[in-house]
Amino acid sequence: MEELQIHITTDSCLFCKDPESSDLGRRIVEYGIEMIHELGYEAFTFKKLGSRINSNESSIYRYFESKHSFLVYLVNWYWSWIEYKLVFATTNIESEEEKLEKAIQLLTEEVKEDNNFTFINEVTLNKIIIAESSKAYHTKEVEKENEKGFYKTYTRVVDRVTEFVLGVNPNFKYPHMLISTIIEGAHHQRYFSKHLPALTDCEEGKNNIVEFYKKLVTDTLKR
């Protein structure tokens, strides 16, 4: 039986040259993820990345015009991957309540590596999303970049889950606020659990974050 090939599509506005089109491009993404997680976004540079992959710094600029655009690319790839998982998890489910529960589970659970994409470690990328992704849109150029479509994959994920919310409670006034708050809140809780545990109620071996947000959504939509 032929193995199913899955491809995550990212908009061409996010890069100068598609990194998935070459071995060098894939290594830029693979080791870039590794180094941003290792060093932090501020300390990460294309010069350091070039040294890691034994390539000229200028060759990286042929794929991405700046480290900001590289971070935006990673954020978009991540949310496109989440969207693919969301569609897969909710297809053929009739109940809006079950669709919403599946979506909240997916958005708040701990990420596991997906072997369908060998050059990207989704676990490490998720740690970057939690710790660094806000830097992709907390910029002075955010409105212009949004017009170019830099953040549309994140918006699309929120829109999809918003439809499930309205399917459960068509009169709920704040579906986008609810879902974006859950996503960002779950990221904060994951970060707190690792670095500032006094700010959360996570317990080792328990799925407190997922259960908290499922209960939050259920209780909120019943009101």
C-alpha atoms as a PDB file:
ATOM      1  CA  MET A   1       0.000   0.000   0.000  1.00  0.00           C
ATOM      2  CA  GLU A   2       1.398   3.422  -0.980  1.00  0.00           C
ATOM      3  CA  GLU A   3       2.305   5.659   1.980  1.00  0.00           C
ATOM      4  CA  LEU A   4       0.200   8.807   2.303  1.00  0.00           C
ATOM      5  CA  GLN A   5       2.239  11.976   1.762  1.00  0.00           C
ATOM      6  CA  ILE A   6       1.127  15.013   3.752  1.00  0.00           C
ATOM      7  CA  HIS A   7       2.329  18.495   2.870  1.00  0.00           C
ATOM      8  CA  ILE A   8       1.812  21.640   4.938  1.00  0.00           C
ATOM      9  CA  THR A   9       1.360  24.626   2.639  1.00  0.00           C
ATOM     10  CA  THR A  10       2.672  28.061   3.614  1.00  0.00           C
ATOM     11  CA  ASP A  11       1.969  31.253   1.699  1.00  0.00           C
ATOM     12  CA  SER A  12       4.700  32.488  -0.647  1.00  0.00           C
ATOM     13  CA  CYS A  13       4.601  35.924   1.022  1.00  0.00           C
ATOM     14  CA  LEU A  14       6.371  34.349   4.015  1.00  0.00           C
ATOM     15  CA  PHE A  15       9.673  33.581   2.294  1.00  0.00           C
ATOM     16  CA  CYS A  16      11.973  34.664  -0.522  1.00  0.00           C
ATOM     17  CA  LYS A  17      12.482  31.059  -1.626  1.00  0.00           C
ATOM     18  CA  ASP A  18      10.443  28.087  -0.418  1.00  0.00           C
ATOM     19  CA  PRO A  19      12.644  26.309   2.163  1.00  0.00           C
ATOM     20  CA  GLU A  20      10.949  23.008   1.395  1.00  0.00           C
ATOM     21  CA  SER A  21      12.244  23.171  -2.186  1.00  0.00           C
ATOM     22  CA  SER A  22      15.819  22.185  -1.283  1.00  0.00           C
ATOM     23  CA  ASP A  23      17.916  20.266   1.205  1.00  0.00           C
ATOM     24  CA  LEU A  24      19.550  23.526   2.344  1.00  0.00           C
ATOM     25  CA  GLY A  25      16.162  25.132   2.927  1.00  0.00           C
ATOM     26  CA  ARG A  26      14.973  22.205   5.015  1.00  0.00           C
ATOM     27  CA  ARG A  27      18.200  22.301   7.078  1.00  0.00           C
ATOM     28  CA  ILE A  28      17.699  26.044   7.648  1.00  0.00           C
ATOM     29  CA  VAL A  29      14.267  25.321   9.106  1.00  0.00           C
ATOM     30  CA  GLU A  30      15.326  22.237  11.072  1.00  0.00           C
ATOM     31  CA  TYR A  31      18.390  23.787  12.700  1.00  0.00           C
ATOM     32  CA  GLY A  32      16.781  27.226  12.966  1.00  0.00           C
ATOM     33  CA  ILE A  33      14.080  25.718  15.171  1.00  0.00           C
ATOM     34  CA  GLU A  34      16.727  23.956  17.237  1.00  0.00           C
ATOM     35  CA  MET A  35      18.773  27.141  17.713  1.00  0.00           C
ATOM     36  CA  ILE A  36      15.884  29.492  18.535  1.00  0.00           C
ATOM     37  CA  HIS A  37      14.819  27.044  21.237  1.00  0.00           C
ATOM     38  CA  GLU A  38      18.402  26.698  22.450  1.00  0.00           C
ATOM     39  CA  LEU A  39      19.449  30.378  22.364  1.00  0.00           C
ATOM     40  CA  GLY A  40      16.193  32.328  22.452  1.00  0.00           C
ATOM     41  CA  TYR A  41      14.913  34.524  19.638  1.00  0.00           C
ATOM     42  CA  GLU A  42      16.923  37.607  20.658  1.00  0.00           C
ATOM     43  CA  ALA A  43      20.276  35.784  20.669  1.00  0.00           C
ATOM     44  CA  PHE A  44      19.553  33.805  17.496  1.00  0.00           C
ATOM     45  CA  THR A  45      21.147  35.137  14.292  1.00  0.00           C
ATOM     46  CA  PHE A  46      21.496  33.927  10.723  1.00  0.00           C
ATOM     47  CA  LYS A  47      25.280  34.129  11.169  1.00  0.00           C
ATOM     48  CA  LYS A  48      25.104  31.597  14.016  1.00  0.00           C
ATOM     49  CA  LEU A  49      22.716  29.438  12.011  1.00  0.00           C
ATOM     50  CA  GLY A  50      25.062  29.527   9.025  1.00  0.00           C
ATOM     51  CA  SER A  51      27.911  28.295  11.211  1.00  0.00           C
ATOM     52  CA  ARG A  52      25.747  25.477  12.550  1.00  0.00           C
ATOM     53  CA  ILE A  53      24.761  24.212   9.094  1.00  0.00           C
ATOM     54  CA  ASN A  54      28.161  24.955   7.465  1.00  0.00           C
ATOM     55  CA  SER A  55      26.686  27.459   5.033  1.00  0.00           C
ATOM     56  CA  ASN A  56      27.197  31.129   4.258  1.00  0.00           C
ATOM     57  CA  GLU A  57      24.956  33.584   6.091  1.00  0.00           C
ATOM     58  CA  SER A  58      24.061  35.068   2.695  1.00  0.00           C
ATOM     59  CA  SER A  59      22.601  31.732   1.572  1.00  0.00           C
ATOM     60  CA  ILE A  60      20.045  31.902   4.394  1.00  0.00           C
ATOM     61  CA  TYR A  61      18.987  35.378   3.271  1.00  0.00           C
ATOM     62  CA  ARG A  62      18.066  33.857  -0.086  1.00  0.00           C
ATOM     63  CA  TYR A  63      15.262  32.045   1.765  1.00  0.00           C
ATOM     64  CA  PHE A  64      14.257  34.602   4.437  1.00  0.00           C
ATOM     65  CA  GLU A  65      14.847  38.345   4.403  1.00  0.00           C
ATOM     66  CA  SER A  66      15.241  38.564   8.209  1.00  0.00           C
ATOM     67  CA  LYS A  67      15.028  36.509  11.370  1.00  0.00           C
ATOM     68  CA  HIS A  68      11.634  38.148  11.985  1.00  0.00           C
ATOM     69  CA  SER A  69      10.317  36.772   8.691  1.00  0.00           C
ATOM     70  CA  PHE A  70      11.770  33.388   9.650  1.00  0.00           C
ATOM     71  CA  LEU A  71       9.876  33.458  12.961  1.00  0.00           C
ATOM     72  CA  VAL A  72       6.676  34.456  11.136  1.00  0.00           C
ATOM     73  CA  TYR A  73       7.200  31.522   8.766  1.00  0.00           C
ATOM     74  CA  LEU A  74       7.591  29.113  11.706  1.00  0.00           C
ATOM     75  CA  VAL A  75       4.445  30.486  13.375  1.00  0.00           C
ATOM     76  CA  ASN A  76       2.482  30.042  10.143  1.00  0.00           C
ATOM     77  CA  TRP A  77       3.796  26.525   9.583  1.00  0.00           C
ATOM     78  CA  TYR A  78       2.816  25.582  13.138  1.00  0.00           C
ATOM     79  CA  TRP A  79      -0.756  26.898  12.839  1.00  0.00           C
ATOM     80  CA  SER A  80      -1.156  25.285   9.412  1.00  0.00           C
ATOM     81  CA  TRP A  81      -0.112  21.998  11.028  1.00  0.00           C
ATOM     82  CA  ILE A  82      -2.588  22.546  13.873  1.00  0.00           C
ATOM     83  CA  GLU A  83      -5.305  23.291  11.308  1.00  0.00           C
ATOM     84  CA  TYR A  84      -4.569  20.028   9.487  1.00  0.00           C
ATOM     85  CA  LYS A  85      -4.805  18.135  12.803  1.00  0.00           C
ATOM     86  CA  LEU A  86      -7.993  19.984  13.694  1.00  0.00           C
ATOM     87  CA  VAL A  87      -9.692  19.107  10.404  1.00  0.00           C
ATOM     88  CA  PHE A  88      -8.572  15.480  10.701  1.00  0.00           C
ATOM     89  CA  ALA A  89      -9.823  15.225  14.312  1.00  0.00           C
ATOM     90  CA  THR A  90     -13.284  16.702  13.675  1.00  0.00           C
ATOM     91  CA  THR A  91     -14.198  15.351  10.231  1.00  0.00           C
ATOM     92  CA  ASN A  92     -17.235  13.016  10.236  1.00  0.00           C
ATOM     93  CA  ILE A  93     -18.303  14.083  13.740  1.00  0.00           C
ATOM     94  CA  GLU A  94     -21.927  15.220  13.812  1.00  0.00           C
ATOM     95  CA  SER A  95     -22.157  16.583  17.351  1.00  0.00           C
ATOM     96  CA  GLU A  96     -21.075  20.223  17.697  1.00  0.00           C
ATOM     97  CA  GLU A  97     -20.330  19.598  21.374  1.00  0.00           C
ATOM     98  CA  GLU A  98     -17.984  16.744  20.499  1.00  0.00           C
ATOM     99  CA  LYS A  99     -16.297  18.797  17.756  1.00  0.00           C
ATOM    100  CA  LEU A 100     -15.676  21.612  20.223  1.00  0.00           C
ATOM    101  CA  GLU A 101     -14.353  19.245  22.877  1.00  0.00           C
ATOM    102  CA  LYS A 102     -11.968  17.646  20.364  1.00  0.00           C
ATOM    103  CA  ALA A 103     -10.792  21.105  19.290  1.00  0.00           C
ATOM    104  CA  ILE A 104     -10.154  22.292  22.857  1.00  0.00           C
ATOM    105  CA  GLN A 105      -8.271  19.074  23.555  1.00  0.00           C
ATOM    106  CA  LEU A 106      -6.072  19.628  20.516  1.00  0.00           C
ATOM    107  CA  LEU A 107      -5.398  23.294  21.285  1.00  0.00           C
ATOM    108  CA  THR A 108      -4.476  22.757  24.936  1.00  0.00           C
ATOM    109  CA  GLU A 109      -2.831  19.327  25.146  1.00  0.00           C
ATOM    110  CA  GLU A 110       0.907  18.706  25.195  1.00  0.00           C
ATOM    111  CA  VAL A 111       2.253  18.421  21.656  1.00  0.00           C
ATOM    112  CA  LYS A 112       3.750  15.167  20.410  1.00  0.00           C
ATOM    113  CA  GLU A 113       6.111  14.780  17.477  1.00  0.00           C
ATOM    114  CA  ASP A 114       4.456  14.094  14.129  1.00  0.00           C
ATOM    115  CA  ASN A 115       6.566  11.709  12.046  1.00  0.00           C
ATOM    116  CA  ASN A 116       4.902  12.858   8.827  1.00  0.00           C
ATOM    117  CA  PHE A 117       7.286  15.834   8.713  1.00  0.00           C
ATOM    118  CA  THR A 118      10.855  14.653   9.169  1.00  0.00           C
ATOM    119  CA  PHE A 119      12.648  18.021   9.013  1.00  0.00           C
ATOM    120  CA  ILE A 120      10.493  19.716  11.667  1.00  0.00           C
ATOM    121  CA  ASN A 121      10.368  18.711  15.313  1.00  0.00           C
ATOM    122  CA  GLU A 122       6.866  19.793  16.338  1.00  0.00           C
ATOM    123  CA  VAL A 123       7.620  19.394  20.058  1.00  0.00           C
ATOM    124  CA  THR A 124      10.489  21.885  19.870  1.00  0.00           C
ATOM    125  CA  LEU A 125       8.512  24.162  17.564  1.00  0.00           C
ATOM    126  CA  ASN A 126       5.646  24.167  20.068  1.00  0.00           C
ATOM    127  CA  LYS A 127       8.068  25.363  22.765  1.00  0.00           C
ATOM    128  CA  ILE A 128       9.049  28.229  20.466  1.00  0.00           C
ATOM    129  CA  ILE A 129       5.379  29.063  19.851  1.00  0.00           C
ATOM    130  CA  ILE A 130       4.787  29.165  23.608  1.00  0.00           C
ATOM    131  CA  ALA A 131       7.853  31.247  24.451  1.00  0.00           C
ATOM    132  CA  GLU A 132       8.495  33.350  21.344  1.00  0.00           C
ATOM    133  CA  SER A 133       5.511  33.540  18.975  1.00  0.00           C
ATOM    134  CA  SER A 134       4.117  36.792  20.404  1.00  0.00           C
ATOM    135  CA  LYS A 135       7.287  38.476  19.114  1.00  0.00           C
ATOM    136  CA  ALA A 136       6.095  37.704  15.589  1.00  0.00           C
ATOM    137  CA  TYR A 137       3.164  40.111  15.926  1.00  0.00           C
ATOM    138  CA  HIS A 138       4.162  42.459  18.770  1.00  0.00           C
ATOM    139  CA  THR A 139       5.830  44.770  16.262  1.00  0.00           C
ATOM    140  CA  LYS A 140       5.229  48.267  14.910  1.00  0.00           C
ATOM    141  CA  GLU A 141       4.538  46.784  11.479  1.00  0.00           C
ATOM    142  CA  VAL A 142       1.840  44.347  12.634  1.00  0.00           C
ATOM    143  CA  GLU A 143      -1.041  46.021  10.772  1.00  0.00           C
ATOM    144  CA  LYS A 144       0.873  46.095   7.476  1.00  0.00           C
ATOM    145  CA  GLU A 145       2.015  42.513   7.938  1.00  0.00           C
ATOM    146  CA  ASN A 146      -1.510  41.428   8.772  1.00  0.00           C
ATOM    147  CA  GLU A 147      -2.742  42.996   5.517  1.00  0.00           C
ATOM    148  CA  LYS A 148      -0.141  40.923   3.669  1.00  0.00           C
ATOM    149  CA  GLY A 149      -1.548  37.769   5.262  1.00  0.00           C
ATOM    150  CA  PHE A 150       1.272  37.040   7.716  1.00  0.00           C
ATOM    151  CA  TYR A 151      -1.087  35.886  10.471  1.00  0.00           C
ATOM    152  CA  LYS A 152      -3.981  34.393   8.535  1.00  0.00           C
ATOM    153  CA  THR A 153      -3.274  30.774   9.498  1.00  0.00           C
ATOM    154  CA  TYR A 154      -3.650  31.574  13.196  1.00  0.00           C
ATOM    155  CA  THR A 155      -6.822  33.522  12.395  1.00  0.00           C
ATOM    156  CA  ARG A 156      -8.144  30.596  10.362  1.00  0.00           C
ATOM    157  CA  VAL A 157      -7.679  28.179  13.262  1.00  0.00           C
ATOM    158  CA  VAL A 158      -9.548  30.531  15.599  1.00  0.00           C
ATOM    159  CA  ASP A 159     -12.323  30.926  12.995  1.00  0.00           C
ATOM    160  CA  ARG A 160     -12.726  27.152  12.661  1.00  0.00           C
ATOM    161  CA  VAL A 161     -13.124  26.603  16.387  1.00  0.00           C
ATOM    162  CA  THR A 162     -15.369  29.661  16.656  1.00  0.00           C
ATOM    163  CA  GLU A 163     -17.798  27.888  14.308  1.00  0.00           C
ATOM    164  CA  PHE A 164     -17.944  24.979  16.774  1.00  0.00           C
ATOM    165  CA  VAL A 165     -18.631  27.405  19.626  1.00  0.00           C
ATOM    166  CA  LEU A 166     -21.533  28.960  17.727  1.00  0.00           C
ATOM    167  CA  GLY A 167     -22.767  25.499  16.823  1.00  0.00           C
ATOM    168  CA  VAL A 168     -23.093  24.778  20.542  1.00  0.00           C
ATOM    169  CA  ASN A 169     -24.443  28.212  21.512  1.00  0.00           C
ATOM    170  CA  PRO A 170     -25.473  30.441  18.572  1.00  0.00           C
ATOM    171  CA  ASN A 171     -26.207  33.330  20.942  1.00  0.00           C
ATOM    172  CA  PHE A 172     -22.774  33.477  22.530  1.00  0.00           C
ATOM    173  CA  LYS A 173     -21.405  36.978  21.920  1.00  0.00           C
ATOM    174  CA  TYR A 174     -17.659  36.472  22.256  1.00  0.00           C
ATOM    175  CA  PRO A 175     -16.585  33.309  20.401  1.00  0.00           C
ATOM    176  CA  HIS A 176     -13.331  34.687  18.947  1.00  0.00           C
ATOM    177  CA  MET A 177     -12.326  36.153  22.295  1.00  0.00           C
ATOM    178  CA  LEU A 178     -13.059  32.847  23.990  1.00  0.00           C
ATOM    179  CA  ILE A 179     -10.956  30.745  21.614  1.00  0.00           C
ATOM    180  CA  SER A 180      -7.987  33.116  21.327  1.00  0.00           C
ATOM    181  CA  THR A 181      -7.994  33.459  25.129  1.00  0.00           C
ATOM    182  CA  ILE A 182      -7.949  29.672  25.504  1.00  0.00           C
ATOM    183  CA  ILE A 183      -5.057  29.271  23.057  1.00  0.00           C
ATOM    184  CA  GLU A 184      -2.911  32.005  24.571  1.00  0.00           C
ATOM    185  CA  GLY A 185      -3.912  31.040  28.116  1.00  0.00           C
ATOM    186  CA  ALA A 186      -2.976  27.405  27.585  1.00  0.00           C
ATOM    187  CA  HIS A 187       0.412  28.512  26.256  1.00  0.00           C
ATOM    188  CA  HIS A 188       0.967  30.626  29.365  1.00  0.00           C
ATOM    189  CA  GLN A 189       0.008  27.723  31.603  1.00  0.00           C
ATOM    190  CA  ARG A 190       2.434  25.400  29.803  1.00  0.00           C
ATOM    191  CA  TYR A 191       5.179  27.990  30.254  1.00  0.00           C
ATOM    192  CA  PHE A 192       4.317  28.594  33.910  1.00  0.00           C
ATOM    193  CA  SER A 193       4.269  24.864  34.635  1.00  0.00           C
ATOM    194  CA  LYS A 194       7.893  24.601  33.478  1.00  0.00           C
ATOM    195  CA  HIS A 195       9.301  27.879  34.772  1.00  0.00           C
ATOM    196  CA  LEU A 196       6.918  29.570  37.256  1.00  0.00           C
ATOM    197  CA  PRO A 197       4.920  26.724  38.824  1.00  0.00           C
ATOM    198  CA  ALA A 198       3.485  28.913  41.615  1.00  0.00           C
ATOM    199  CA  LEU A 199       1.330  30.604  38.947  1.00  0.00           C
ATOM    200  CA  THR A 200      -0.477  27.457  37.879  1.00  0.00           C
ATOM    201  CA  ASP A 201      -2.212  24.356  39.261  1.00  0.00           C
ATOM    202  CA  CYS A 202      -0.508  21.773  37.066  1.00  0.00           C
ATOM    203  CA  GLU A 203       0.342  18.454  38.662  1.00  0.00           C
ATOM    204  CA  GLU A 204       2.843  15.925  37.371  1.00  0.00           C
ATOM    205  CA  GLY A 205       1.133  13.114  35.479  1.00  0.00           C
ATOM    206  CA  LYS A 206      -2.225  14.898  35.299  1.00  0.00           C
ATOM    207  CA  ASN A 207      -3.903  16.672  32.411  1.00  0.00           C
ATOM    208  CA  ASN A 208      -4.922  19.735  34.414  1.00  0.00           C
ATOM    209  CA  ILE A 209      -4.540  22.294  31.635  1.00  0.00           C
ATOM    210  CA  VAL A 210      -6.756  20.415  29.191  1.00  0.00           C
ATOM    211  CA  GLU A 211      -9.381  19.668  31.839  1.00  0.00           C
ATOM    212  CA  PHE A 212      -9.404  23.267  33.062  1.00  0.00           C
ATOM    213  CA  TYR A 213     -10.082  24.698  29.609  1.00  0.00           C
ATOM    214  CA  LYS A 214     -12.690  22.079  28.752  1.00  0.00           C
ATOM    215  CA  LYS A 215     -14.543  22.998  31.949  1.00  0.00           C
ATOM    216  CA  LEU A 216     -14.107  26.710  31.280  1.00  0.00           C
ATOM    217  CA  VAL A 217     -15.658  26.393  27.823  1.00  0.00           C
ATOM    218  CA  THR A 218     -18.493  24.140  28.982  1.00  0.00           C
ATOM    219  CA  ASP A 219     -19.402  26.409  31.912  1.00  0.00           C
ATOM    220  CA  THR A 220     -19.093  29.588  29.839  1.00  0.00           C
ATOM    221  CA  LEU A 221     -21.382  28.374  27.052  1.00  0.00           C
ATOM    222  CA  LYS A 222     -24.041  27.181  29.514  1.00  0.00           C
ATOM    223  CA  ARG A 223     -24.556  30.671  30.930  1.00  0.00           C
END
